[in-house]
């Protein structure tokens, strides 16, 4: 029996909340090296920072009003 088959057999007897934790951990392992930004992402962040420094932004309240919210909601 392969290691993959052994893992599947174990998963079959575990409760769903434990399986969810295992899934979350395997996702972390699979994608832990994807935290590196691409050149395009870095360029976009730099542009956004420049826009903010030049006053090209809207406030949280303005965004909520633009989206049609009547009350301020906490994020």
C-alpha atoms as a PDB file:
ATOM      1  CA  UNK A   1       0.000   0.000   0.000  1.00  0.00           C
ATOM      2  CA  UNK A   2       1.378   3.410  -0.983  1.00  0.00           C
ATOM      3  CA  UNK A   3       1.769   6.268   1.452  1.00  0.00           C
ATOM      4  CA  UNK A   4      -1.013   8.128  -0.358  1.00  0.00           C
ATOM      5  CA  UNK A   5      -3.369   5.166   0.107  1.00  0.00           C
ATOM      6  CA  UNK A   6      -2.448   4.948   3.795  1.00  0.00           C
ATOM      7  CA  UNK A   7      -3.253   8.628   4.253  1.00  0.00           C
ATOM      8  CA  UNK A   8      -6.599   8.215   2.502  1.00  0.00           C
ATOM      9  CA  UNK A   9      -7.458   5.277   4.773  1.00  0.00           C
ATOM     10  CA  UNK A  10      -6.652   7.350   7.844  1.00  0.00           C
ATOM     11  CA  UNK A  11      -8.720  10.276   6.536  1.00  0.00           C
ATOM     12  CA  UNK A  12     -11.708   7.969   6.179  1.00  0.00           C
ATOM     13  CA  UNK A  13     -11.878   7.475   9.965  1.00  0.00           C
ATOM     14  CA  UNK A  14     -11.155  11.041  11.122  1.00  0.00           C
ATOM     15  CA  UNK A  15     -13.839  13.569  12.089  1.00  0.00           C
ATOM     16  CA  UNK A  16     -14.539  16.388   9.625  1.00  0.00           C
ATOM     17  CA  UNK A  17     -13.011  19.134  11.808  1.00  0.00           C
ATOM     18  CA  UNK A  18      -9.699  17.269  11.951  1.00  0.00           C
ATOM     19  CA  UNK A  19      -9.791  16.719   8.191  1.00  0.00           C
ATOM     20  CA  UNK A  20     -10.343  20.474   7.734  1.00  0.00           C
ATOM     21  CA  UNK A  21      -7.254  21.199   9.847  1.00  0.00           C
ATOM     22  CA  UNK A  22      -5.225  18.707   7.841  1.00  0.00           C
ATOM     23  CA  UNK A  23      -6.450  20.291   4.620  1.00  0.00           C
ATOM     24  CA  UNK A  24      -5.500  23.769   5.820  1.00  0.00           C
ATOM     25  CA  UNK A  25      -2.029  22.552   6.755  1.00  0.00           C
ATOM     26  CA  UNK A  26      -1.480  20.796   3.423  1.00  0.00           C
ATOM     27  CA  UNK A  27      -2.562  23.966   1.619  1.00  0.00           C
ATOM     28  CA  UNK A  28       0.027  25.864   3.639  1.00  0.00           C
ATOM     29  CA  UNK A  29       2.709  23.335   2.726  1.00  0.00           C
ATOM     30  CA  UNK A  30       1.790  23.338  -0.936  1.00  0.00           C
ATOM     31  CA  UNK A  31       1.755  27.109  -1.317  1.00  0.00           C
ATOM     32  CA  UNK A  32       4.231  28.370   1.259  1.00  0.00           C
ATOM     33  CA  UNK A  33       6.648  29.543  -1.430  1.00  0.00           C
ATOM     34  CA  UNK A  34       4.014  31.581  -3.235  1.00  0.00           C
ATOM     35  CA  UNK A  35       4.486  34.489  -0.842  1.00  0.00           C
ATOM     36  CA  UNK A  36       7.078  35.946  -3.217  1.00  0.00           C
ATOM     37  CA  UNK A  37       5.682  38.879  -5.175  1.00  0.00           C
ATOM     38  CA  UNK A  38       5.986  38.993  -8.942  1.00  0.00           C
ATOM     39  CA  UNK A  39       7.502  41.996 -10.697  1.00  0.00           C
ATOM     40  CA  UNK A  40       4.013  42.998 -11.836  1.00  0.00           C
ATOM     41  CA  UNK A  41       2.672  42.854  -8.263  1.00  0.00           C
ATOM     42  CA  UNK A  42       5.582  44.960  -6.992  1.00  0.00           C
ATOM     43  CA  UNK A  43       4.974  47.505  -9.762  1.00  0.00           C
ATOM     44  CA  UNK A  44       1.260  47.661  -8.868  1.00  0.00           C
ATOM     45  CA  UNK A  45       2.046  48.181  -5.181  1.00  0.00           C
ATOM     46  CA  UNK A  46       4.544  50.926  -5.985  1.00  0.00           C
ATOM     47  CA  UNK A  47       1.966  52.652  -8.198  1.00  0.00           C
ATOM     48  CA  UNK A  48      -0.623  52.425  -5.440  1.00  0.00           C
ATOM     49  CA  UNK A  49       1.798  53.898  -2.902  1.00  0.00           C
ATOM     50  CA  UNK A  50       2.618  56.777  -5.258  1.00  0.00           C
ATOM     51  CA  UNK A  51      -1.097  57.401  -5.801  1.00  0.00           C
ATOM     52  CA  UNK A  52      -1.675  57.535  -2.047  1.00  0.00           C
ATOM     53  CA  UNK A  53       1.237  59.932  -1.552  1.00  0.00           C
ATOM     54  CA  UNK A  54      -0.213  62.159  -4.282  1.00  0.00           C
ATOM     55  CA  UNK A  55      -3.653  62.212  -2.665  1.00  0.00           C
ATOM     56  CA  UNK A  56      -5.258  59.855  -5.199  1.00  0.00           C
ATOM     57  CA  UNK A  57      -7.409  57.817  -2.842  1.00  0.00           C
ATOM     58  CA  UNK A  58     -10.836  57.768  -1.242  1.00  0.00           C
ATOM     59  CA  UNK A  59     -11.609  57.349   2.433  1.00  0.00           C
ATOM     60  CA  UNK A  60     -13.387  54.376   3.962  1.00  0.00           C
ATOM     61  CA  UNK A  61     -16.464  56.516   4.480  1.00  0.00           C
ATOM     62  CA  UNK A  62     -16.428  57.671   0.840  1.00  0.00           C
ATOM     63  CA  UNK A  63     -16.164  54.079  -0.365  1.00  0.00           C
ATOM     64  CA  UNK A  64     -19.096  52.984   1.794  1.00  0.00           C
ATOM     65  CA  UNK A  65     -21.184  55.885   0.507  1.00  0.00           C
ATOM     66  CA  UNK A  66     -20.224  55.013  -3.080  1.00  0.00           C
ATOM     67  CA  UNK A  67     -21.278  51.390  -2.466  1.00  0.00           C
ATOM     68  CA  UNK A  68     -24.616  52.530  -1.059  1.00  0.00           C
ATOM     69  CA  UNK A  69     -24.105  51.865   2.646  1.00  0.00           C
ATOM     70  CA  UNK A  70     -25.899  54.297   4.900  1.00  0.00           C
ATOM     71  CA  UNK A  71     -23.994  53.477   8.085  1.00  0.00           C
ATOM     72  CA  UNK A  72     -20.308  53.131   8.723  1.00  0.00           C
ATOM     73  CA  UNK A  73     -19.397  49.471   9.128  1.00  0.00           C
ATOM     74  CA  UNK A  74     -16.329  48.252  10.935  1.00  0.00           C
ATOM     75  CA  UNK A  75     -13.886  46.114   9.003  1.00  0.00           C
END
